[in-house]
Amino acid sequence: MTTATAKRVGAEWLAGAHMRPTRQRVTLAALLVGDGQNRHVTAESLFDASRKVGEKVSLATVYNTLRSFSDAGLLREITVNGAKSYFDTDTTNHAHFYWEDSGELADAPLADVKLCELPEPPDGTEISKVDVVIRLRRR
């Protein structure tokens, strides 16, 4: 896929969420969804990917843009510990495997995950989502 095609796909992705297509947003969107594949990224991994393709985007801009994309519903934030978040381009309900030794996050088959019952949320609240992260380590 060409860079121009990836940027067009990224711009369309932004337009679907009524987000203004700034240069930085289109660049990062193209890296996230330009090839049509779903991915899990951290701010640092997306920053590195942008540098590899010769784009000049600061790490702070990457963090802020990922947060904006997540707030707009374009990404799903998955927190694996208090300090590390991944952003998933697949916003459907699904579980994840997290490899503790490598820090890799990958989709887990949802058909194999059964949530039978959730507690009632406190008065005046509702459950917005349930994240299932299955932590793995090598034996």
C-alpha atoms as a PDB file:
ATOM      1  CA  MET A   1       0.000   0.000   0.000  1.00  0.00           C
ATOM      2  CA  THR A   2       1.353   3.427  -0.879  1.00  0.00           C
ATOM      3  CA  THR A   3       1.907   6.228   1.583  1.00  0.00           C
ATOM      4  CA  ALA A   4      -0.697   8.337  -0.231  1.00  0.00           C
ATOM      5  CA  THR A   5      -3.276   5.540   0.068  1.00  0.00           C
ATOM      6  CA  ALA A   6      -2.472   5.017   3.744  1.00  0.00           C
ATOM      7  CA  LYS A   7      -2.894   8.745   4.402  1.00  0.00           C
ATOM      8  CA  ARG A   8      -6.214   8.771   2.503  1.00  0.00           C
ATOM      9  CA  VAL A   9      -7.447   5.832   4.608  1.00  0.00           C
ATOM     10  CA  GLY A  10      -6.249   7.604   7.762  1.00  0.00           C
ATOM     11  CA  ALA A  11      -7.999  10.848   6.769  1.00  0.00           C
ATOM     12  CA  GLU A  12     -11.246   8.948   6.104  1.00  0.00           C
ATOM     13  CA  TRP A  13     -10.936   7.259   9.506  1.00  0.00           C
ATOM     14  CA  LEU A  14     -10.643  10.695  11.128  1.00  0.00           C
ATOM     15  CA  ALA A  15     -13.550  12.072   9.093  1.00  0.00           C
ATOM     16  CA  GLY A  16     -15.739   9.231  10.359  1.00  0.00           C
ATOM     17  CA  ALA A  17     -15.245  10.601  13.875  1.00  0.00           C
ATOM     18  CA  HIS A  18     -15.586  14.240  12.749  1.00  0.00           C
ATOM     19  CA  MET A  19     -11.981  14.962  13.697  1.00  0.00           C
ATOM     20  CA  ARG A  20     -10.057  17.736  11.993  1.00  0.00           C
ATOM     21  CA  PRO A  21      -7.383  16.166   9.755  1.00  0.00           C
ATOM     22  CA  THR A  22      -4.241  17.971  10.900  1.00  0.00           C
ATOM     23  CA  ARG A  23      -0.931  16.844   9.412  1.00  0.00           C
ATOM     24  CA  GLN A  24       0.074  15.054  12.613  1.00  0.00           C
ATOM     25  CA  ARG A  25      -3.289  13.332  12.996  1.00  0.00           C
ATOM     26  CA  VAL A  26      -3.314  12.117   9.403  1.00  0.00           C
ATOM     27  CA  THR A  27       0.276  10.877   9.730  1.00  0.00           C
ATOM     28  CA  LEU A  28      -0.481   8.926  12.897  1.00  0.00           C
ATOM     29  CA  ALA A  29      -3.834   7.679  11.580  1.00  0.00           C
ATOM     30  CA  ALA A  30      -2.102   6.376   8.442  1.00  0.00           C
ATOM     31  CA  LEU A  31       0.341   4.425  10.618  1.00  0.00           C
ATOM     32  CA  LEU A  32      -2.497   3.057  12.738  1.00  0.00           C
ATOM     33  CA  VAL A  33      -5.065   2.069  10.104  1.00  0.00           C
ATOM     34  CA  GLY A  34      -3.635   2.927   6.693  1.00  0.00           C
ATOM     35  CA  ASP A  35      -3.012  -0.693   5.743  1.00  0.00           C
ATOM     36  CA  GLY A  36      -6.403  -1.923   6.998  1.00  0.00           C
ATOM     37  CA  GLN A  37      -4.863  -4.098   9.715  1.00  0.00           C
ATOM     38  CA  ASN A  38      -5.747  -3.857  13.391  1.00  0.00           C
ATOM     39  CA  ARG A  39      -2.901  -3.237  15.781  1.00  0.00           C
ATOM     40  CA  HIS A  40      -2.011  -2.583  19.408  1.00  0.00           C
ATOM     41  CA  VAL A  41       0.376   0.302  19.980  1.00  0.00           C
ATOM     42  CA  THR A  42       1.885   2.229  22.818  1.00  0.00           C
ATOM     43  CA  ALA A  43       2.701   5.898  22.446  1.00  0.00           C
ATOM     44  CA  GLU A  44       6.368   4.962  22.311  1.00  0.00           C
ATOM     45  CA  SER A  45       5.921   2.323  19.593  1.00  0.00           C
ATOM     46  CA  LEU A  46       3.852   4.716  17.448  1.00  0.00           C
ATOM     47  CA  PHE A  47       6.452   7.446  17.977  1.00  0.00           C
ATOM     48  CA  ASP A  48       9.178   5.027  16.817  1.00  0.00           C
ATOM     49  CA  ALA A  49       7.117   4.008  13.778  1.00  0.00           C
ATOM     50  CA  SER A  50       6.619   7.657  12.814  1.00  0.00           C
ATOM     51  CA  ARG A  51      10.362   8.301  13.057  1.00  0.00           C
ATOM     52  CA  LYS A  52      11.102   5.253  10.867  1.00  0.00           C
ATOM     53  CA  VAL A  53       8.986   6.680   8.053  1.00  0.00           C
ATOM     54  CA  GLY A  54      10.637  10.077   8.398  1.00  0.00           C
ATOM     55  CA  GLU A  55       7.779  11.951  10.074  1.00  0.00           C
ATOM     56  CA  LYS A  56       8.626  14.588  12.654  1.00  0.00           C
ATOM     57  CA  VAL A  57       6.100  14.244  15.460  1.00  0.00           C
ATOM     58  CA  SER A  58       6.996  14.762  19.111  1.00  0.00           C
ATOM     59  CA  LEU A  59       6.317  12.081  21.692  1.00  0.00           C
ATOM     60  CA  ALA A  60       4.017  14.518  23.521  1.00  0.00           C
ATOM     61  CA  THR A  61       2.010  14.985  20.319  1.00  0.00           C
ATOM     62  CA  VAL A  62       1.727  11.212  19.934  1.00  0.00           C
ATOM     63  CA  TYR A  63       0.445  10.869  23.519  1.00  0.00           C
ATOM     64  CA  ASN A  64      -2.066  13.697  23.050  1.00  0.00           C
ATOM     65  CA  THR A  65      -3.222  12.381  19.683  1.00  0.00           C
ATOM     66  CA  LEU A  66      -3.738   8.844  20.963  1.00  0.00           C
ATOM     67  CA  ARG A  67      -5.771  10.258  23.842  1.00  0.00           C
ATOM     68  CA  SER A  68      -7.873  12.331  21.389  1.00  0.00           C
ATOM     69  CA  PHE A  69      -8.425   9.309  19.135  1.00  0.00           C
ATOM     70  CA  SER A  70      -9.454   7.253  22.155  1.00  0.00           C
ATOM     71  CA  ASP A  71     -11.825   9.977  23.420  1.00  0.00           C
ATOM     72  CA  ALA A  72     -13.399  10.112  19.940  1.00  0.00           C
ATOM     73  CA  GLY A  73     -14.009   6.348  19.987  1.00  0.00           C
ATOM     74  CA  LEU A  74     -11.466   5.557  17.266  1.00  0.00           C
ATOM     75  CA  LEU A  75      -9.221   3.580  19.608  1.00  0.00           C
ATOM     76  CA  ARG A  76      -9.738   1.501  22.693  1.00  0.00           C
ATOM     77  CA  GLU A  77      -7.295   2.061  25.521  1.00  0.00           C
ATOM     78  CA  ILE A  78      -6.132  -1.091  27.295  1.00  0.00           C
ATOM     79  CA  THR A  79      -4.250  -0.542  30.541  1.00  0.00           C
ATOM     80  CA  VAL A  80      -2.082  -3.490  31.510  1.00  0.00           C
ATOM     81  CA  ASN A  81      -0.666  -1.918  34.630  1.00  0.00           C
ATOM     82  CA  GLY A  82      -0.851   1.487  36.223  1.00  0.00           C
ATOM     83  CA  ALA A  83       1.921   2.880  34.052  1.00  0.00           C
ATOM     84  CA  LYS A  84       1.459   1.247  30.627  1.00  0.00           C
ATOM     85  CA  SER A  85      -1.389   1.694  28.181  1.00  0.00           C
ATOM     86  CA  TYR A  86      -1.896   0.156  24.775  1.00  0.00           C
ATOM     87  CA  PHE A  87      -4.227   1.555  22.166  1.00  0.00           C
ATOM     88  CA  ASP A  88      -6.185  -0.921  20.061  1.00  0.00           C
ATOM     89  CA  THR A  89      -7.571  -0.034  16.633  1.00  0.00           C
ATOM     90  CA  ASP A  90     -10.200  -2.777  17.053  1.00  0.00           C
ATOM     91  CA  THR A  91     -12.813  -1.146  19.265  1.00  0.00           C
ATOM     92  CA  THR A  92     -15.148  -4.165  19.346  1.00  0.00           C
ATOM     93  CA  ASN A  93     -15.531  -6.179  22.530  1.00  0.00           C
ATOM     94  CA  HIS A  94     -12.727  -8.719  22.742  1.00  0.00           C
ATOM     95  CA  ALA A  95     -10.186 -10.057  25.203  1.00  0.00           C
ATOM     96  CA  HIS A  96      -6.411  -9.731  25.111  1.00  0.00           C
ATOM     97  CA  PHE A  97      -3.343 -11.788  25.887  1.00  0.00           C
ATOM     98  CA  TYR A  98      -0.489  -9.849  27.498  1.00  0.00           C
ATOM     99  CA  TRP A  99       2.955 -11.445  27.521  1.00  0.00           C
ATOM    100  CA  GLU A 100       4.662 -10.194  30.673  1.00  0.00           C
ATOM    101  CA  ASP A 101       8.176 -11.023  29.456  1.00  0.00           C
ATOM    102  CA  SER A 102       8.002  -9.176  26.119  1.00  0.00           C
ATOM    103  CA  GLY A 103       5.287  -6.599  26.802  1.00  0.00           C
ATOM    104  CA  GLU A 104       3.353  -7.743  23.728  1.00  0.00           C
ATOM    105  CA  LEU A 105      -0.432  -7.392  23.622  1.00  0.00           C
ATOM    106  CA  ALA A 106      -2.499  -9.515  21.221  1.00  0.00           C
ATOM    107  CA  ASP A 107      -6.138 -10.373  20.686  1.00  0.00           C
ATOM    108  CA  ALA A 108      -7.497 -13.453  22.439  1.00  0.00           C
ATOM    109  CA  PRO A 109     -10.424 -15.426  21.013  1.00  0.00           C
ATOM    110  CA  LEU A 110     -13.568 -13.927  22.532  1.00  0.00           C
ATOM    111  CA  ALA A 111     -15.529 -17.126  21.917  1.00  0.00           C
ATOM    112  CA  ASP A 112     -13.388 -18.823  24.568  1.00  0.00           C
ATOM    113  CA  VAL A 113     -14.061 -16.137  27.219  1.00  0.00           C
ATOM    114  CA  LYS A 114     -17.245 -16.509  29.260  1.00  0.00           C
ATOM    115  CA  LEU A 115     -18.374 -13.747  31.613  1.00  0.00           C
ATOM    116  CA  CYS A 116     -21.322 -15.174  33.445  1.00  0.00           C
ATOM    117  CA  GLU A 117     -22.208 -12.365  35.795  1.00  0.00           C
ATOM    118  CA  LEU A 118     -21.084  -8.865  36.650  1.00  0.00           C
ATOM    119  CA  PRO A 119     -21.776  -7.023  39.887  1.00  0.00           C
ATOM    120  CA  GLU A 120     -24.414  -4.311  39.936  1.00  0.00           C
ATOM    121  CA  PRO A 121     -22.753  -0.935  39.498  1.00  0.00           C
ATOM    122  CA  PRO A 122     -23.190   1.628  42.263  1.00  0.00           C
ATOM    123  CA  ASP A 123     -26.273   3.865  42.129  1.00  0.00           C
ATOM    124  CA  GLY A 124     -26.089   6.540  39.468  1.00  0.00           C
ATOM    125  CA  THR A 125     -23.488   4.684  37.367  1.00  0.00           C
ATOM    126  CA  GLU A 126     -23.420   2.224  34.520  1.00  0.00           C
ATOM    127  CA  ILE A 127     -20.810  -0.197  33.220  1.00  0.00           C
ATOM    128  CA  SER A 128     -19.203   1.355  30.153  1.00  0.00           C
ATOM    129  CA  LYS A 129     -16.934  -1.558  29.208  1.00  0.00           C
ATOM    130  CA  VAL A 130     -15.220  -4.612  30.596  1.00  0.00           C
ATOM    131  CA  ASP A 131     -11.577  -5.247  29.738  1.00  0.00           C
ATOM    132  CA  VAL A 132     -10.287  -8.796  29.921  1.00  0.00           C
ATOM    133  CA  VAL A 133      -6.498  -9.030  29.878  1.00  0.00           C
ATOM    134  CA  ILE A 134      -5.048 -12.508  30.291  1.00  0.00           C
ATOM    135  CA  ARG A 135      -1.460 -12.239  31.492  1.00  0.00           C
ATOM    136  CA  LEU A 136       0.961 -14.847  30.208  1.00  0.00           C
ATOM    137  CA  ARG A 137       4.507 -15.794  31.166  1.00  0.00           C
ATOM    138  CA  ARG A 138       6.797 -18.450  29.827  1.00  0.00           C
ATOM    139  CA  ARG A 139       7.479 -21.502  31.992  1.00  0.00           C
END
